[in-house]
Amino acid sequence: MEKVIRKPIDNNEFVKVWAQVHLDGGNLQDVANRMECSYAGARNKADRLISSGVELPELKRGRRPKTYDTVLLNKEIMTEMADA
């Protein structure tokens, strides 16, 4: 099995991204996406920094609620029902 080589996550960049995601109301997945790393990689980096004394602000937990254009979706339903 071939060894997976991952790019190291830069501490300074990680902290900057974390702070911006916090201000944007984002979560850990948003940090991982912006850092172009895995969720687990972002979690591990955060845990290591926190255990070293870095005071990362708390991010929102879980997934963001999905927003829907209900007016458009209801029009689609009506169009489909009228065509049937």
N, C-alpha and C. Protein backbone atom coordinates (compact mmCIF):
# COMPACT_ATOMS: atom_id res chain seq x y z
N MET A 1 0.84 -1.18 0.00
CA MET A 1 0.00 0.00 0.00
C MET A 1 0.89 1.24 0.00
N GLU A 2 0.53 2.18 -0.83
CA GLU A 2 1.33 3.40 -0.98
C GLU A 2 1.03 4.37 0.16
N LYS A 3 2.07 4.96 0.71
CA LYS A 3 1.92 5.92 1.81
C LYS A 3 1.33 7.22 1.29
N VAL A 4 0.35 7.74 2.01
CA VAL A 4 -0.28 9.01 1.64
C VAL A 4 0.54 10.15 2.22
N ILE A 5 0.92 11.09 1.37
CA ILE A 5 1.69 12.25 1.82
C ILE A 5 0.78 13.47 1.77
N ARG A 6 0.61 14.08 2.93
CA ARG A 6 -0.26 15.25 3.02
C ARG A 6 0.60 16.50 3.23
N LYS A 7 0.13 17.58 2.65
CA LYS A 7 0.81 18.87 2.82
C LYS A 7 0.61 19.34 4.27
N PRO A 8 1.67 19.77 4.95
CA PRO A 8 1.52 20.26 6.32
C PRO A 8 0.60 21.48 6.36
N ILE A 9 -0.16 21.59 7.43
CA ILE A 9 -1.06 22.72 7.62
C ILE A 9 -0.29 23.80 8.39
N ASP A 10 -0.10 24.95 7.76
CA ASP A 10 0.63 26.06 8.36
C ASP A 10 -0.15 26.64 9.53
N ASN A 11 0.50 26.76 10.68
CA ASN A 11 -0.16 27.26 11.88
C ASN A 11 -0.72 28.66 11.71
N ASN A 12 0.08 29.57 11.16
CA ASN A 12 -0.37 30.96 11.00
C ASN A 12 -1.56 31.06 10.06
N GLU A 13 -1.49 30.37 8.95
CA GLU A 13 -2.60 30.39 7.99
C GLU A 13 -3.85 29.77 8.60
N PHE A 14 -3.65 28.69 9.34
CA PHE A 14 -4.78 28.01 9.97
C PHE A 14 -5.50 28.93 10.95
N VAL A 15 -4.73 29.64 11.76
CA VAL A 15 -5.33 30.55 12.74
C VAL A 15 -6.08 31.68 12.04
N LYS A 16 -5.51 32.21 10.96
CA LYS A 16 -6.19 33.27 10.20
C LYS A 16 -7.50 32.78 9.62
N VAL A 17 -7.47 31.60 9.01
CA VAL A 17 -8.68 31.03 8.41
C VAL A 17 -9.71 30.75 9.51
N TRP A 18 -9.27 30.18 10.62
CA TRP A 18 -10.17 29.87 11.73
C TRP A 18 -10.89 31.14 12.21
N ALA A 19 -10.12 32.22 12.39
CA ALA A 19 -10.71 33.48 12.86
C ALA A 19 -11.73 34.01 11.85
N GLN A 20 -11.42 33.93 10.56
CA GLN A 20 -12.35 34.42 9.54
C GLN A 20 -13.62 33.57 9.51
N VAL A 21 -13.46 32.26 9.61
CA VAL A 21 -14.63 31.37 9.62
C VAL A 21 -15.48 31.66 10.86
N HIS A 22 -14.84 31.92 11.98
CA HIS A 22 -15.58 32.27 13.19
C HIS A 22 -16.40 33.54 12.97
N LEU A 23 -15.78 34.56 12.38
CA LEU A 23 -16.49 35.81 12.11
C LEU A 23 -17.63 35.62 11.12
N ASP A 24 -17.46 34.69 10.19
CA ASP A 24 -18.49 34.41 9.19
C ASP A 24 -19.60 33.51 9.73
N GLY A 25 -19.42 33.01 10.96
CA GLY A 25 -20.43 32.13 11.54
C GLY A 25 -20.34 30.71 11.02
N GLY A 26 -19.14 30.32 10.57
CA GLY A 26 -18.97 29.00 9.97
C GLY A 26 -18.62 27.93 10.98
N ASN A 27 -18.38 26.73 10.45
CA ASN A 27 -18.06 25.59 11.29
C ASN A 27 -16.74 24.96 10.86
N LEU A 28 -16.39 23.87 11.49
CA LEU A 28 -15.10 23.22 11.23
C LEU A 28 -14.98 22.76 9.78
N GLN A 29 -16.07 22.32 9.17
CA GLN A 29 -16.01 21.90 7.78
C GLN A 29 -15.64 23.07 6.88
N ASP A 30 -16.08 24.27 7.22
CA ASP A 30 -15.71 25.46 6.46
C ASP A 30 -14.21 25.73 6.56
N VAL A 31 -13.65 25.51 7.74
CA VAL A 31 -12.20 25.67 7.93
C VAL A 31 -11.48 24.66 7.04
N ALA A 32 -11.91 23.41 7.09
CA ALA A 32 -11.27 22.36 6.28
C ALA A 32 -11.36 22.70 4.79
N ASN A 33 -12.50 23.17 4.34
CA ASN A 33 -12.66 23.52 2.93
C ASN A 33 -11.72 24.65 2.52
N ARG A 34 -11.63 25.68 3.33
CA ARG A 34 -10.77 26.82 3.00
C ARG A 34 -9.29 26.46 3.06
N MET A 35 -8.94 25.55 3.95
CA MET A 35 -7.55 25.11 4.08
C MET A 35 -7.22 24.01 3.08
N GLU A 36 -8.22 23.53 2.38
CA GLU A 36 -8.05 22.43 1.42
C GLU A 36 -7.43 21.21 2.10
N CYS A 37 -7.99 20.86 3.26
CA CYS A 37 -7.55 19.68 3.99
C CYS A 37 -8.80 18.90 4.41
N SER A 38 -8.59 17.77 5.01
CA SER A 38 -9.72 16.97 5.47
C SER A 38 -10.30 17.56 6.76
N TYR A 39 -11.52 17.16 7.06
CA TYR A 39 -12.16 17.56 8.30
C TYR A 39 -11.31 17.08 9.48
N ALA A 40 -10.84 15.82 9.40
CA ALA A 40 -10.03 15.25 10.47
C ALA A 40 -8.71 16.02 10.63
N GLY A 41 -8.12 16.42 9.53
CA GLY A 41 -6.88 17.19 9.59
C GLY A 41 -7.08 18.53 10.28
N ALA A 42 -8.20 19.19 9.96
CA ALA A 42 -8.50 20.47 10.60
C ALA A 42 -8.78 20.27 12.09
N ARG A 43 -9.50 19.20 12.42
CA ARG A 43 -9.82 18.91 13.83
C ARG A 43 -8.54 18.62 14.61
N ASN A 44 -7.65 17.82 14.03
CA ASN A 44 -6.38 17.50 14.70
C ASN A 44 -5.53 18.74 14.91
N LYS A 45 -5.45 19.59 13.88
CA LYS A 45 -4.65 20.82 14.01
C LYS A 45 -5.23 21.70 15.11
N ALA A 46 -6.55 21.85 15.13
CA ALA A 46 -7.19 22.67 16.15
C ALA A 46 -6.92 22.09 17.54
N ASP A 47 -7.06 20.78 17.69
CA ASP A 47 -6.81 20.15 18.99
C ASP A 47 -5.38 20.38 19.46
N ARG A 48 -4.43 20.24 18.55
CA ARG A 48 -3.02 20.44 18.92
C ARG A 48 -2.75 21.88 19.33
N LEU A 49 -3.31 22.83 18.58
CA LEU A 49 -3.10 24.24 18.92
C LEU A 49 -3.75 24.58 20.26
N ILE A 50 -4.97 24.10 20.46
CA ILE A 50 -5.68 24.37 21.72
C ILE A 50 -4.92 23.78 22.90
N SER A 51 -4.44 22.54 22.74
CA SER A 51 -3.72 21.90 23.84
C SER A 51 -2.37 22.59 24.11
N SER A 52 -1.88 23.35 23.12
CA SER A 52 -0.64 24.10 23.30
C SER A 52 -0.88 25.49 23.88
N GLY A 53 -2.15 25.82 24.09
CA GLY A 53 -2.46 27.11 24.71
C GLY A 53 -3.02 28.16 23.76
N VAL A 54 -3.18 27.83 22.48
CA VAL A 54 -3.76 28.79 21.53
C VAL A 54 -5.26 28.87 21.80
N GLU A 55 -5.77 30.08 21.96
CA GLU A 55 -7.18 30.29 22.31
C GLU A 55 -8.03 30.52 21.06
N LEU A 56 -8.31 29.44 20.33
CA LEU A 56 -9.15 29.54 19.15
C LEU A 56 -10.59 29.80 19.58
N PRO A 57 -11.27 30.75 18.96
CA PRO A 57 -12.66 31.00 19.33
C PRO A 57 -13.52 29.81 18.90
N GLU A 58 -14.60 29.59 19.62
CA GLU A 58 -15.47 28.46 19.33
C GLU A 58 -16.24 28.70 18.04
N LEU A 59 -16.29 27.67 17.20
CA LEU A 59 -17.04 27.74 15.96
C LEU A 59 -18.43 27.17 16.17
N LYS A 60 -19.31 27.44 15.24
CA LYS A 60 -20.64 26.84 15.29
C LYS A 60 -20.48 25.34 15.11
N ARG A 61 -21.37 24.61 15.72
CA ARG A 61 -21.33 23.16 15.62
C ARG A 61 -22.36 22.69 14.60
N GLY A 62 -22.05 21.57 13.98
CA GLY A 62 -23.00 20.95 13.08
C GLY A 62 -23.10 21.62 11.73
N ARG A 63 -24.09 21.20 11.04
CA ARG A 63 -24.31 21.70 9.68
C ARG A 63 -25.16 22.95 9.70
N ARG A 64 -24.96 23.74 8.69
CA ARG A 64 -25.81 24.92 8.54
C ARG A 64 -27.16 24.49 8.00
N PRO A 65 -28.22 25.17 8.43
CA PRO A 65 -29.52 24.82 7.86
C PRO A 65 -29.54 25.20 6.38
N LYS A 66 -30.18 24.36 5.60
CA LYS A 66 -30.28 24.65 4.17
C LYS A 66 -31.39 25.66 3.95
N THR A 67 -31.16 26.57 3.02
CA THR A 67 -32.18 27.54 2.69
C THR A 67 -32.72 27.20 1.31
N TYR A 68 -34.00 27.38 1.15
CA TYR A 68 -34.65 27.05 -0.10
C TYR A 68 -35.42 28.26 -0.61
N ASP A 69 -35.50 28.38 -1.92
CA ASP A 69 -36.34 29.40 -2.54
C ASP A 69 -37.73 28.78 -2.67
N THR A 70 -38.52 28.92 -1.61
CA THR A 70 -39.82 28.26 -1.57
C THR A 70 -40.77 28.77 -2.64
N VAL A 71 -40.69 30.04 -2.97
CA VAL A 71 -41.56 30.58 -4.01
C VAL A 71 -41.28 29.88 -5.34
N LEU A 72 -40.01 29.77 -5.69
CA LEU A 72 -39.62 29.11 -6.93
C LEU A 72 -40.01 27.64 -6.92
N LEU A 73 -39.76 26.96 -5.82
CA LEU A 73 -40.10 25.54 -5.74
C LEU A 73 -41.60 25.31 -5.84
N ASN A 74 -42.39 26.18 -5.19
CA ASN A 74 -43.84 26.05 -5.29
C ASN A 74 -44.33 26.31 -6.71
N LYS A 75 -43.70 27.24 -7.43
CA LYS A 75 -44.05 27.47 -8.83
C LYS A 75 -43.75 26.24 -9.67
N GLU A 76 -42.61 25.59 -9.39
CA GLU A 76 -42.25 24.37 -10.11
C GLU A 76 -43.29 23.28 -9.88
N ILE A 77 -43.74 23.17 -8.64
CA ILE A 77 -44.77 22.16 -8.33
C ILE A 77 -46.03 22.45 -9.12
N MET A 78 -46.45 23.70 -9.10
CA MET A 78 -47.69 24.08 -9.80
C MET A 78 -47.56 23.84 -11.31
N THR A 79 -46.38 24.14 -11.86
CA THR A 79 -46.15 23.91 -13.29
C THR A 79 -46.24 22.42 -13.61
N GLU A 80 -45.60 21.60 -12.80
CA GLU A 80 -45.64 20.15 -13.01
C GLU A 80 -47.05 19.60 -12.86
N MET A 81 -47.79 20.10 -11.88
CA MET A 81 -49.16 19.62 -11.65
C MET A 81 -50.06 20.03 -12.81
N ALA A 82 -49.85 21.22 -13.36
CA ALA A 82 -50.66 21.70 -14.47
C ALA A 82 -50.38 20.91 -15.73
N ASP A 83 -49.13 20.46 -15.92
CA ASP A 83 -48.75 19.69 -17.11
C ASP A 83 -49.24 18.25 -17.05
N ALA A 84 -49.59 17.79 -15.87
CA ALA A 84 -49.96 16.36 -15.72
C ALA A 84 -51.37 16.08 -16.17
